[in-house]
Amino acid sequence: MGMQMVGLADIVRTHAAERPEAIALVHEGRRTAYGRLHDASNRVAQGLLAEGIQPRSRVAHLDKSSDLFFELLFGVSKVGAVTVSVNWRLAPPEVLHILNDAGAEILFVGEEFFPVIDEIRDALHNVRKIVSLSGTHPGWEPFASWRDRHAAVDPCLPAQPSDTAVQFYTSGTTGLPKGAELTNSNFAFMFRSWAESWRLEPGRRSLVCLPMFHIGGAGWGMAGLYAGATNHVVREFVPRQILDIIQSERIEVVLLVPAMILFLMQAPEVVETDLSSLSLIVYGAAPIPAELLKQAMTTFGCGFQQVYGLTETTGAITLLPPEDHDPSDAKKLLSCGYAQKEVELRIVGDDGRDLPPGEVGEIAIRSPQVMGGYWKLPEATARAVKGDWFFTGDAGYLDEKGYLYIYDRVKDMIVSGGENIYPAEVESALFGHPAVADVAVIGVPDVRWGEAVKAVVVVKAGVEVTAGELVEWARGRIAGYKLPKSVDFIDALPRNPTGKILKRELRKAYWGDRQRQVN
């Protein structure tokens, strides 16, 4: 497809001109054609201009997935502003940090999250207007009436390839999330690469079921629209509903995380669902247990393709194609594939030198998909991006044929159900409890989620506390999905001479002699 894309808005401009009646989005019975999506996002753009939104202003979104997210995204692009989609799983203090850090000036919020915003409203520094995406709030205008007050006229403001288009917040080892700035040129390259790898093309029926604060949700949805596909956007992942949509809408391609594949396999309805329309399941965010993959390949009867990437690389940069998914080749299934076109991989040792095949080091990536940088964090950007190379913090190795294997996460990160959880955040939430003398948080194997969060706690002398009390204490401070699923008590944590907790020692008890220390 010969689209000349500079800004994200060029996606809807092109399709509205060439195929205005084609369906772009399907959501809970609403079908939106490309022409209508262009008009709606024009109204959004005019509304943003009327509110005084300037190029590079931050516009925030806090809600579960819907078609309205894309009206907003393209409207924001048309005025040269930046979309910040906030993780709706976060606790109010975490949401407050992101909105203030981004300097968001307008906030679009769904009814389910009114209480979160009501709680932090007085502490929001830059937000001068709140619009409700659903439901009614006494103080905030509803989205439809706000949008429809404005003319469907494209402001046609110029865009540059280097402009930031979307700012995704990614958890940091230090505890506070960092805003990764993804540019128009990052997306332009990613869309071309993804559309080709994933057989996205005009009219293709694609299922969008990861959240919009995630590159796997918003990015997959945008790539589908770039290709002119029909995107079926689901509010959240409910296995029974997903199976129903696959059957009734004849879905052809979908992006999932391994935990979602497991939940679909466990749903009783899967045996009587007609899955014959599916041609490709792309999965990423964590490797998949070989046994589960074998079962899934039999059940779904379509191609499977593994991908590896990060928020900072605008999503997937490697792929393990369907032809490499041979259930009898268990080792190959542990690989996340080889670099996509124009992506280079290096494995770097502690001394900064490249390592030979088979040796484990830090994975570094050079690609047009590498982010512009972390918002307002020059030191963190300089640590992560050296020259053209992005240092991922993931440990892995390349084999002789250039296939990448993830070995461990240098930064101790836990991936549970496809979500990144940094132990530092969970540890600091638990540390404040009056009974806690010391705490370490690790990921342990979990059949359902890949990894589960476990806290290992040293209790102060003469004090008593239960696991349940500690989890409740943390509940008000961090998102529910980050809470420990279990708590073990220990007399002392293993530390090295400089006092750093030896997480690897702690993990040994739970991981045994497994080949990989991540799941």
Protein backbone atom coordinates (compact mmCIF):
# COMPACT_ATOMS: atom_id res chain seq x y z
CA MET A 1 0.00 0.00 0.00
CA GLY A 2 1.52 3.28 -1.04
CA MET A 3 0.54 5.50 1.86
CA GLN A 4 2.72 8.57 2.40
CA MET A 5 2.48 8.68 6.16
CA VAL A 6 4.15 11.43 8.17
CA GLY A 7 1.76 11.85 11.09
CA LEU A 8 -0.70 9.26 12.43
CA ALA A 9 -3.56 11.36 11.04
CA ASP A 10 -2.45 10.50 7.49
CA ILE A 11 -3.85 7.00 8.10
CA VAL A 12 -7.46 8.21 8.31
CA ARG A 13 -6.95 10.91 5.70
CA THR A 14 -5.78 8.32 3.15
CA HIS A 15 -8.47 5.71 3.79
CA ALA A 16 -11.27 8.31 4.02
CA ALA A 17 -10.23 9.59 0.58
CA GLU A 18 -9.80 6.15 -1.02
CA ARG A 19 -12.39 3.91 0.68
CA PRO A 20 -14.65 6.00 2.96
CA GLU A 21 -17.37 3.31 3.27
CA ALA A 22 -14.99 0.52 4.39
CA ILE A 23 -15.45 -0.39 8.06
CA ALA A 24 -12.52 0.72 10.25
CA LEU A 25 -13.77 -0.09 13.75
CA VAL A 26 -16.32 -2.42 15.31
CA HIS A 27 -17.05 -2.03 19.02
CA GLU A 28 -20.03 -3.36 20.97
CA GLY A 29 -22.30 -3.26 17.94
CA ARG A 30 -21.10 0.12 16.62
CA ARG A 31 -19.53 0.02 13.17
CA THR A 32 -17.48 3.05 12.15
CA ALA A 33 -16.42 3.52 8.52
CA TYR A 34 -13.11 5.17 7.64
CA GLY A 35 -14.92 8.28 6.35
CA ARG A 36 -16.84 8.61 9.61
CA LEU A 37 -13.64 8.08 11.65
CA HIS A 38 -11.95 10.88 9.69
CA ASP A 39 -14.91 13.23 10.33
CA ALA A 40 -15.13 12.35 14.03
CA SER A 41 -11.40 12.89 14.53
CA ASN A 42 -11.68 16.24 12.67
CA ARG A 43 -14.32 17.31 15.19
CA VAL A 44 -12.06 16.17 18.02
CA ALA A 45 -9.18 18.18 16.52
CA GLN A 46 -11.33 21.32 16.28
CA GLY A 47 -12.47 20.75 19.86
CA LEU A 48 -8.87 20.48 21.05
CA LEU A 49 -7.94 23.68 19.20
CA ALA A 50 -10.90 25.45 20.81
CA GLU A 51 -9.58 24.31 24.22
CA GLY A 52 -6.22 25.91 23.43
CA ILE A 53 -4.30 22.69 22.78
CA GLN A 54 -0.99 23.47 21.05
CA PRO A 55 1.44 21.24 19.15
CA ARG A 56 3.29 19.03 21.69
CA SER A 57 0.56 19.50 24.35
CA ARG A 58 -0.25 16.25 26.17
CA VAL A 59 -3.80 14.90 25.96
CA ALA A 60 -4.62 12.03 28.33
CA HIS A 61 -6.96 9.04 28.04
CA LEU A 62 -8.04 6.90 31.03
CA ASP A 63 -10.48 4.16 30.11
CA LYS A 64 -10.75 0.60 28.93
CA SER A 65 -10.59 0.01 25.18
CA SER A 66 -13.18 1.38 22.76
CA ASP A 67 -13.54 2.83 19.28
CA LEU A 68 -13.54 6.32 20.84
CA PHE A 69 -9.85 5.93 21.68
CA PHE A 70 -9.04 6.02 17.95
CA GLU A 71 -11.25 9.08 17.31
CA LEU A 72 -9.26 10.77 20.05
CA LEU A 73 -5.86 9.50 18.88
CA PHE A 74 -6.32 10.78 15.30
CA GLY A 75 -7.82 14.07 16.50
CA VAL A 76 -4.80 14.62 18.76
CA SER A 77 -2.49 13.81 15.83
CA LYS A 78 -4.28 16.34 13.61
CA VAL A 79 -3.31 19.19 15.96
CA GLY A 80 0.25 17.93 16.49
CA ALA A 81 -0.37 17.08 20.14
CA VAL A 82 0.64 13.88 21.99
CA THR A 83 -1.67 11.11 23.25
CA VAL A 84 -0.95 9.75 26.72
CA SER A 85 -3.04 6.64 27.42
CA VAL A 86 -2.92 5.90 31.14
CA ASN A 87 -2.84 2.38 32.57
CA TRP A 88 -6.34 2.01 34.06
CA ARG A 89 -5.12 -0.73 36.42
CA LEU A 90 -3.05 1.74 38.40
CA ALA A 91 -3.89 3.06 41.88
CA PRO A 92 -4.83 6.78 42.19
CA PRO A 93 -1.34 7.93 43.33
CA GLU A 94 0.22 6.23 40.28
CA VAL A 95 -2.32 7.82 37.90
CA LEU A 96 -1.60 11.20 39.52
CA HIS A 97 2.13 10.81 38.93
CA ILE A 98 1.65 10.05 35.22
CA LEU A 99 -0.83 12.88 34.55
CA ASN A 100 1.38 15.41 36.34
CA ASP A 101 4.62 14.09 34.87
CA ALA A 102 3.17 14.34 31.34
CA GLY A 103 1.70 17.77 32.05
CA ALA A 104 -1.61 16.59 30.56
CA GLU A 105 -3.90 19.54 29.79
CA ILE A 106 -7.09 17.69 28.86
CA LEU A 107 -8.23 14.36 30.25
CA PHE A 108 -10.77 12.01 28.67
CA VAL A 109 -12.03 9.55 31.26
CA GLY A 110 -14.48 6.63 31.28
CA GLU A 111 -17.19 6.28 33.92
CA GLU A 112 -15.49 3.38 35.67
CA PHE A 113 -12.57 5.67 36.54
CA PHE A 114 -14.49 8.75 37.73
CA PRO A 115 -13.73 7.82 41.38
CA VAL A 116 -9.97 7.67 40.66
CA ILE A 117 -10.00 11.16 39.11
CA ASP A 118 -12.36 12.60 41.74
CA GLU A 119 -9.87 11.45 44.38
CA ILE A 120 -6.86 13.16 42.75
CA ARG A 121 -8.59 16.08 40.98
CA ASP A 122 -7.26 18.79 43.30
CA ALA A 123 -3.69 17.56 42.91
CA LEU A 124 -3.66 17.62 39.07
CA HIS A 125 -1.29 20.45 38.06
CA ASN A 126 -2.03 21.01 34.39
CA VAL A 127 -5.42 19.45 33.65
CA ARG A 128 -7.83 22.28 32.85
CA LYS A 129 -10.61 20.29 31.20
CA ILE A 130 -12.08 16.84 31.83
CA VAL A 131 -14.39 15.14 29.33
CA SER A 132 -16.35 11.97 30.20
CA LEU A 133 -16.07 9.18 27.62
CA SER A 134 -19.05 7.31 29.11
CA GLY A 135 -21.63 7.84 31.84
CA THR A 136 -22.51 11.24 33.28
CA HIS A 137 -20.48 13.30 35.72
CA PRO A 138 -21.95 16.51 37.16
CA GLY A 139 -18.82 18.52 36.41
CA TRP A 140 -17.65 17.11 33.08
CA GLU A 141 -19.02 17.37 29.56
CA PRO A 142 -19.88 14.10 27.76
CA PHE A 143 -17.57 13.21 24.87
CA ALA A 144 -20.25 12.96 22.15
CA SER A 145 -21.70 16.42 22.80
CA TRP A 146 -18.23 17.96 23.23
CA ARG A 147 -17.08 16.42 19.94
CA ASP A 148 -20.23 17.19 17.95
CA ARG A 149 -20.25 20.88 18.88
CA HIS A 150 -17.31 21.29 16.49
CA ALA A 151 -17.06 21.28 12.70
CA ALA A 152 -15.74 18.22 10.86
CA VAL A 153 -12.94 20.25 9.28
CA ASP A 154 -9.39 18.92 9.12
CA PRO A 155 -7.08 21.61 10.53
CA CYS A 156 -4.29 20.29 8.25
CA LEU A 157 -1.50 21.35 10.61
CA PRO A 158 1.96 20.25 9.45
CA ALA A 159 3.58 17.19 11.02
CA GLN A 160 7.24 16.19 11.21
CA PRO A 161 8.61 12.63 11.26
CA SER A 162 10.53 13.44 14.46
CA ASP A 163 7.45 14.73 16.36
CA THR A 164 6.35 12.65 19.34
CA ALA A 165 2.97 11.05 18.56
CA VAL A 166 2.23 8.90 21.61
CA GLN A 167 3.76 8.76 25.07
CA PHE A 168 3.48 5.36 26.74
CA TYR A 169 4.45 5.01 30.37
CA THR A 170 6.64 2.04 31.15
CA SER A 171 7.46 0.98 34.72
CA GLY A 172 10.97 1.81 35.84
CA THR A 173 13.35 -0.06 38.12
CA THR A 174 13.39 3.01 40.35
CA GLY A 175 9.67 2.66 40.98
CA LEU A 176 8.22 5.58 39.02
CA PRO A 177 7.03 4.97 35.45
CA LYS A 178 8.89 6.75 32.64
CA GLY A 179 7.22 8.24 29.57
CA ALA A 180 8.63 6.66 26.40
CA GLU A 181 8.23 9.13 23.53
CA LEU A 182 7.29 7.32 20.32
CA THR A 183 7.58 9.44 17.20
CA ASN A 184 5.73 9.61 13.89
CA SER A 185 8.74 8.02 12.18
CA ASN A 186 8.84 5.18 14.78
CA PHE A 187 5.23 4.34 13.92
CA ALA A 188 5.61 4.82 10.16
CA PHE A 189 8.38 2.22 10.10
CA MET A 190 6.61 -0.12 12.51
CA PHE A 191 3.33 -0.07 10.53
CA ARG A 192 5.05 -1.04 7.28
CA SER A 193 6.98 -3.81 9.00
CA TRP A 194 4.00 -5.16 10.99
CA ALA A 195 1.49 -4.98 8.13
CA GLU A 196 3.81 -7.12 6.03
CA SER A 197 4.78 -9.62 8.76
CA TRP A 198 1.26 -10.06 10.06
CA ARG A 199 -0.67 -10.13 6.80
CA LEU A 200 -2.65 -7.03 7.71
CA GLU A 201 -4.35 -5.77 4.56
CA PRO A 202 -7.54 -3.94 3.50
CA GLY A 203 -10.65 -5.63 4.85
CA ARG A 204 -8.76 -8.11 7.04
CA ARG A 205 -10.70 -8.81 10.22
CA SER A 206 -8.39 -8.15 13.16
CA LEU A 207 -9.15 -8.49 16.87
CA VAL A 208 -7.78 -5.78 19.19
CA CYS A 209 -7.94 -7.09 22.75
CA LEU A 210 -4.93 -5.72 24.60
CA PRO A 211 -5.39 -2.44 26.48
CA MET A 212 -4.81 0.95 24.84
CA PHE A 213 -2.10 1.94 27.34
CA HIS A 214 -0.07 -0.93 25.87
CA ILE A 215 1.87 -0.86 22.57
CA GLY A 216 0.32 -4.32 21.99
CA GLY A 217 -3.18 -2.78 22.14
CA ALA A 218 -2.93 0.71 20.66
CA GLY A 219 -0.05 -0.23 18.32
CA TRP A 220 -1.78 -3.34 16.98
CA GLY A 221 -4.97 -1.34 16.46
CA MET A 222 -3.12 1.47 14.65
CA ALA A 223 -1.22 -1.00 12.45
CA GLY A 224 -4.55 -2.56 11.44
CA LEU A 225 -5.97 0.84 10.53
CA TYR A 226 -2.80 1.73 8.61
CA ALA A 227 -3.36 -1.40 6.53
CA GLY A 228 -7.06 -0.63 6.02
CA ALA A 229 -8.18 -3.64 8.06
CA THR A 230 -11.41 -3.85 10.06
CA ASN A 231 -10.52 -3.68 13.74
CA HIS A 232 -12.78 -5.39 16.27
CA VAL A 233 -12.00 -3.58 19.52
CA VAL A 234 -13.04 -5.30 22.76
CA ARG A 235 -13.38 -3.39 26.02
CA GLU A 236 -11.44 -5.97 27.97
CA PHE A 237 -10.39 -9.57 27.71
CA VAL A 238 -13.23 -11.95 28.65
CA PRO A 239 -12.50 -15.41 27.18
CA ARG A 240 -16.15 -16.34 26.48
CA GLN A 241 -16.78 -13.03 24.68
CA ILE A 242 -13.53 -13.28 22.71
CA LEU A 243 -14.47 -16.75 21.42
CA ASP A 244 -17.93 -15.48 20.54
CA ILE A 245 -16.47 -12.57 18.51
CA ILE A 246 -13.97 -14.82 16.71
CA GLN A 247 -16.87 -17.03 15.60
CA SER A 248 -19.55 -14.44 14.84
CA GLU A 249 -17.28 -11.85 13.16
CA ARG A 250 -15.02 -14.42 11.41
CA ILE A 251 -11.85 -12.93 12.92
CA GLU A 252 -8.71 -13.71 10.89
CA VAL A 253 -5.80 -12.34 12.91
CA VAL A 254 -5.24 -11.50 16.59
CA LEU A 255 -2.43 -10.45 18.94
CA LEU A 256 -2.43 -12.14 22.36
CA VAL A 257 -0.15 -12.67 25.33
CA PRO A 258 0.46 -16.30 26.39
CA ALA A 259 -1.78 -15.99 29.46
CA MET A 260 -4.67 -15.05 27.14
CA ILE A 261 -4.04 -18.13 25.00
CA LEU A 262 -4.16 -20.21 28.18
CA PHE A 263 -7.47 -18.64 29.30
CA LEU A 264 -9.04 -19.25 25.87
CA MET A 265 -7.88 -22.87 26.01
CA GLN A 266 -9.38 -23.26 29.50
CA ALA A 267 -12.75 -21.74 28.54
CA PRO A 268 -15.35 -24.53 28.29
CA GLU A 269 -16.85 -22.84 25.18
CA VAL A 270 -13.65 -23.34 23.16
CA VAL A 271 -14.64 -26.88 22.11
CA GLU A 272 -17.83 -25.78 20.34
CA THR A 273 -16.51 -22.48 18.92
CA ASP A 274 -15.96 -22.28 15.16
CA LEU A 275 -12.35 -21.06 14.94
CA SER A 276 -11.91 -21.84 11.23
CA SER A 277 -11.67 -18.15 10.19
CA LEU A 278 -8.40 -17.65 12.11
CA SER A 279 -5.28 -17.62 9.99
CA LEU A 280 -2.70 -16.17 12.40
CA ILE A 281 -2.24 -15.72 16.14
CA VAL A 282 0.63 -13.38 16.99
CA TYR A 283 1.78 -13.61 20.60
CA GLY A 284 4.41 -11.86 22.64
CA ALA A 285 5.33 -10.20 25.96
CA ALA A 286 6.47 -13.59 27.30
CA PRO A 287 7.52 -16.95 25.89
CA ILE A 288 4.90 -19.69 25.84
CA PRO A 289 5.26 -23.09 27.52
CA ALA A 290 5.83 -25.65 24.72
CA GLU A 291 3.07 -27.95 25.96
CA LEU A 292 0.49 -25.13 25.92
CA LEU A 293 1.60 -24.11 22.43
CA LYS A 294 1.17 -27.65 21.10
CA GLN A 295 -2.37 -27.80 22.49
CA ALA A 296 -3.18 -24.32 21.15
CA MET A 297 -1.91 -25.14 17.66
CA THR A 298 -4.21 -28.16 17.58
CA THR A 299 -7.21 -26.27 18.99
CA PHE A 300 -6.93 -23.12 16.87
CA GLY A 301 -5.59 -24.80 13.75
CA CYS A 302 -3.89 -21.65 12.47
CA GLY A 303 -0.39 -20.20 12.22
CA PHE A 304 1.33 -18.95 15.37
CA GLN A 305 3.97 -16.23 15.37
CA GLN A 306 6.00 -15.18 18.39
CA VAL A 307 7.35 -11.63 18.67
CA TYR A 308 9.69 -9.80 21.04
CA GLY A 309 9.85 -6.08 21.60
CA LEU A 310 9.44 -3.36 24.19
CA THR A 311 7.50 -0.15 24.57
CA GLU A 312 10.78 1.64 23.84
CA THR A 313 11.11 -0.16 20.48
CA THR A 314 7.54 0.67 19.41
CA GLY A 315 6.69 -2.99 19.94
CA ALA A 316 7.85 -6.07 18.07
CA ILE A 317 11.30 -6.13 16.50
CA THR A 318 11.86 -9.90 16.21
CA LEU A 319 9.57 -12.66 14.99
CA LEU A 320 9.45 -16.44 15.12
CA PRO A 321 7.29 -17.25 12.07
CA PRO A 322 4.68 -20.03 11.83
CA GLU A 323 7.06 -22.35 9.95
CA ASP A 324 9.40 -22.31 12.98
CA HIS A 325 6.57 -23.46 15.27
CA ASP A 326 7.32 -27.15 15.04
CA PRO A 327 5.98 -28.79 18.22
CA SER A 328 8.72 -31.42 18.03
CA ASP A 329 11.46 -28.74 18.11
CA ALA A 330 11.07 -27.63 21.72
CA LYS A 331 14.29 -25.60 21.68
CA LYS A 332 13.24 -23.47 18.71
CA LEU A 333 9.96 -22.72 20.49
CA LEU A 334 11.95 -21.10 23.31
CA SER A 335 13.34 -18.56 20.84
CA CYS A 336 11.60 -15.26 20.14
CA GLY A 337 12.82 -15.42 16.56
CA TYR A 338 15.12 -13.37 14.38
CA ALA A 339 15.37 -9.63 13.76
CA GLN A 340 12.82 -8.07 11.41
CA LYS A 341 14.05 -6.18 8.33
CA GLU A 342 16.28 -3.18 9.14
CA VAL A 343 16.56 -4.26 12.78
CA GLU A 344 20.01 -5.14 14.16
CA LEU A 345 20.66 -7.09 17.36
CA ARG A 346 23.79 -7.26 19.50
CA ILE A 347 24.55 -9.22 22.65
CA VAL A 348 26.80 -7.07 24.83
CA GLY A 349 28.99 -8.25 27.73
CA ASP A 350 29.69 -6.38 30.97
CA ASP A 351 32.81 -4.90 29.36
CA GLY A 352 30.74 -3.40 26.54
CA ARG A 353 32.05 -5.86 23.93
CA ASP A 354 29.93 -7.98 21.60
CA LEU A 355 29.63 -11.61 22.63
CA PRO A 356 29.78 -14.64 20.30
CA PRO A 357 26.75 -16.87 19.61
CA GLY A 358 25.56 -18.84 22.63
CA GLU A 359 26.95 -16.44 25.25
CA VAL A 360 24.50 -14.55 27.46
CA GLY A 361 24.69 -10.76 27.64
CA GLU A 362 22.47 -7.69 27.42
CA ILE A 363 20.34 -7.42 24.29
CA ALA A 364 20.91 -4.17 22.38
CA ILE A 365 18.81 -3.07 19.41
CA ARG A 366 19.34 -0.67 16.53
CA SER A 367 16.17 0.07 14.56
CA PRO A 368 14.08 2.94 13.21
CA GLN A 369 11.57 1.80 15.86
CA VAL A 370 13.75 2.89 18.82
CA MET A 371 11.96 5.63 20.77
CA GLY A 372 12.85 9.32 20.71
CA GLY A 373 13.73 9.11 24.41
CA TYR A 374 12.23 9.18 27.91
CA TRP A 375 10.15 12.33 28.51
CA LYS A 376 12.11 14.87 30.61
CA LEU A 377 14.62 12.21 31.71
CA PRO A 378 17.88 12.93 29.86
CA GLU A 379 19.99 10.77 32.22
CA ALA A 380 17.72 7.75 31.90
CA THR A 381 17.63 8.23 28.11
CA ALA A 382 21.43 8.43 27.96
CA ARG A 383 21.73 5.21 30.00
CA ALA A 384 19.33 3.34 27.72
CA VAL A 385 20.19 4.78 24.29
CA LYS A 386 23.90 4.90 23.45
CA GLY A 387 24.48 6.23 19.97
CA ASP A 388 21.90 4.46 17.84
CA TRP A 389 21.67 1.46 20.14
CA PHE A 390 18.93 0.86 22.71
CA PHE A 391 20.03 -1.28 25.65
CA THR A 392 17.00 -3.32 26.70
CA GLY A 393 17.95 -4.52 30.17
CA ASP A 394 16.99 -8.01 28.99
CA ALA A 395 19.62 -10.74 28.99
CA GLY A 396 19.75 -13.20 26.16
CA TYR A 397 21.88 -14.85 23.51
CA LEU A 398 21.86 -15.37 19.77
CA ASP A 399 22.39 -18.80 18.22
CA GLU A 400 24.51 -19.43 15.13
CA LYS A 401 21.54 -18.68 12.86
CA GLY A 402 20.70 -15.35 14.49
CA TYR A 403 17.72 -16.57 16.54
CA LEU A 404 17.32 -14.66 19.79
CA TYR A 405 16.77 -16.40 23.13
CA ILE A 406 15.81 -14.41 26.24
CA TYR A 407 17.68 -15.72 29.24
CA ASP A 408 16.97 -13.45 32.16
CA ARG A 409 15.94 -9.93 32.91
CA VAL A 410 18.94 -7.91 33.96
CA LYS A 411 16.63 -5.61 35.87
CA ASP A 412 14.77 -8.31 37.88
CA MET A 413 11.50 -7.52 36.12
CA ILE A 414 8.54 -9.87 36.56
CA VAL A 415 6.22 -10.51 33.62
CA SER A 416 2.84 -11.71 34.84
CA GLY A 417 0.06 -12.20 32.29
CA GLY A 418 2.00 -10.04 29.83
CA GLU A 419 2.25 -7.07 32.24
CA ASN A 420 5.63 -5.81 33.40
CA ILE A 421 5.98 -5.57 37.18
CA TYR A 422 9.09 -4.09 38.76
CA PRO A 423 9.96 -5.55 42.18
CA ALA A 424 11.14 -2.10 43.35
CA GLU A 425 7.58 -0.75 43.19
CA VAL A 426 6.15 -3.66 45.16
CA GLU A 427 9.00 -3.62 47.66
CA SER A 428 8.55 0.07 48.42
CA ALA A 429 4.81 -0.45 48.91
CA LEU A 430 5.49 -3.21 51.48
CA PHE A 431 8.47 -1.57 53.16
CA GLY A 432 6.31 1.10 54.77
CA HIS A 433 4.44 -1.45 56.87
CA PRO A 434 5.46 -1.04 60.55
CA ALA A 435 6.15 -4.79 60.92
CA VAL A 436 8.48 -5.11 57.92
CA ALA A 437 12.23 -5.10 58.58
CA ASP A 438 13.33 -6.19 55.10
CA VAL A 439 11.64 -7.37 51.92
CA ALA A 440 12.51 -8.74 48.50
CA VAL A 441 10.05 -9.33 45.68
CA ILE A 442 10.66 -11.98 43.03
CA GLY A 443 8.77 -13.70 40.23
CA VAL A 444 8.05 -17.39 40.71
CA PRO A 445 6.68 -19.88 38.16
CA ASP A 446 2.92 -19.76 37.75
CA VAL A 447 0.91 -22.04 35.47
CA ARG A 448 -1.74 -19.38 34.79
CA TRP A 449 0.22 -16.13 34.56
CA GLY A 450 3.71 -17.30 33.53
CA GLU A 451 5.12 -15.69 36.65
CA ALA A 452 3.50 -14.67 39.92
CA VAL A 453 4.65 -11.99 42.35
CA LYS A 454 6.07 -13.38 45.60
CA ALA A 455 7.21 -11.26 48.55
CA VAL A 456 9.90 -12.64 50.87
CA VAL A 457 9.69 -10.72 54.14
CA VAL A 458 11.83 -10.35 57.27
CA VAL A 459 9.62 -9.30 60.20
CA LYS A 460 10.85 -6.94 62.94
CA ALA A 461 11.71 -8.65 66.23
CA GLY A 462 8.79 -9.07 68.59
CA VAL A 463 6.17 -8.05 66.00
CA GLU A 464 3.57 -10.29 64.37
CA VAL A 465 1.98 -9.80 60.94
CA THR A 466 0.11 -12.05 58.49
CA ALA A 467 0.56 -12.36 54.74
CA GLY A 468 -3.02 -11.07 54.29
CA GLU A 469 -2.31 -7.91 56.31
CA LEU A 470 0.75 -7.12 54.18
CA VAL A 471 -1.16 -7.58 50.92
CA GLU A 472 -3.99 -5.32 52.19
CA TRP A 473 -1.42 -2.69 53.21
CA ALA A 474 0.01 -2.66 49.68
CA ARG A 475 -3.43 -2.65 48.03
CA GLY A 476 -4.01 1.07 48.58
CA ARG A 477 -0.57 1.96 47.25
CA ILE A 478 -0.07 -0.02 44.03
CA ALA A 479 -2.20 -1.54 41.28
CA GLY A 480 -3.97 -4.81 42.08
CA TYR A 481 -2.08 -6.81 39.43
CA LYS A 482 1.24 -5.93 41.15
CA LEU A 483 0.18 -7.24 44.58
CA PRO A 484 2.01 -10.31 45.90
CA LYS A 485 0.12 -13.53 45.20
CA SER A 486 2.01 -15.10 48.09
CA VAL A 487 4.22 -14.01 51.01
CA ASP A 488 6.98 -16.11 52.57
CA PHE A 489 8.69 -15.19 55.85
CA ILE A 490 12.46 -15.58 56.29
CA ASP A 491 15.00 -14.78 59.03
CA ALA A 492 17.39 -12.84 56.77
CA LEU A 493 17.67 -12.06 53.05
CA PRO A 494 20.79 -13.21 51.16
CA ARG A 495 22.95 -10.19 50.29
CA ASN A 496 26.31 -9.58 48.66
CA PRO A 497 29.11 -7.70 50.50
CA THR A 498 27.79 -4.32 49.26
CA GLY A 499 24.33 -5.10 50.61
CA LYS A 500 22.57 -5.82 47.33
CA ILE A 501 19.93 -8.53 47.70
CA LEU A 502 20.91 -11.67 45.79
CA LYS A 503 17.63 -12.18 43.96
CA ARG A 504 19.08 -15.07 42.00
CA GLU A 505 19.79 -16.94 45.25
CA LEU A 506 16.25 -16.29 46.46
CA ARG A 507 14.74 -17.42 43.17
CA LYS A 508 16.67 -20.72 43.18
CA ALA A 509 14.38 -22.23 45.80
CA TYR A 510 11.37 -21.70 43.53
CA TRP A 511 12.85 -22.13 40.04
CA GLY A 512 15.09 -25.11 40.76
CA ASP A 513 17.37 -26.03 37.87
CA ARG A 514 15.18 -24.74 35.04
CA GLN A 515 16.96 -23.77 31.83
CA ARG A 516 15.54 -20.25 31.91
CA GLN A 517 15.05 -18.01 34.90
CA VAL A 518 12.10 -16.28 33.26
CA ASN A 519 8.87 -17.93 32.21
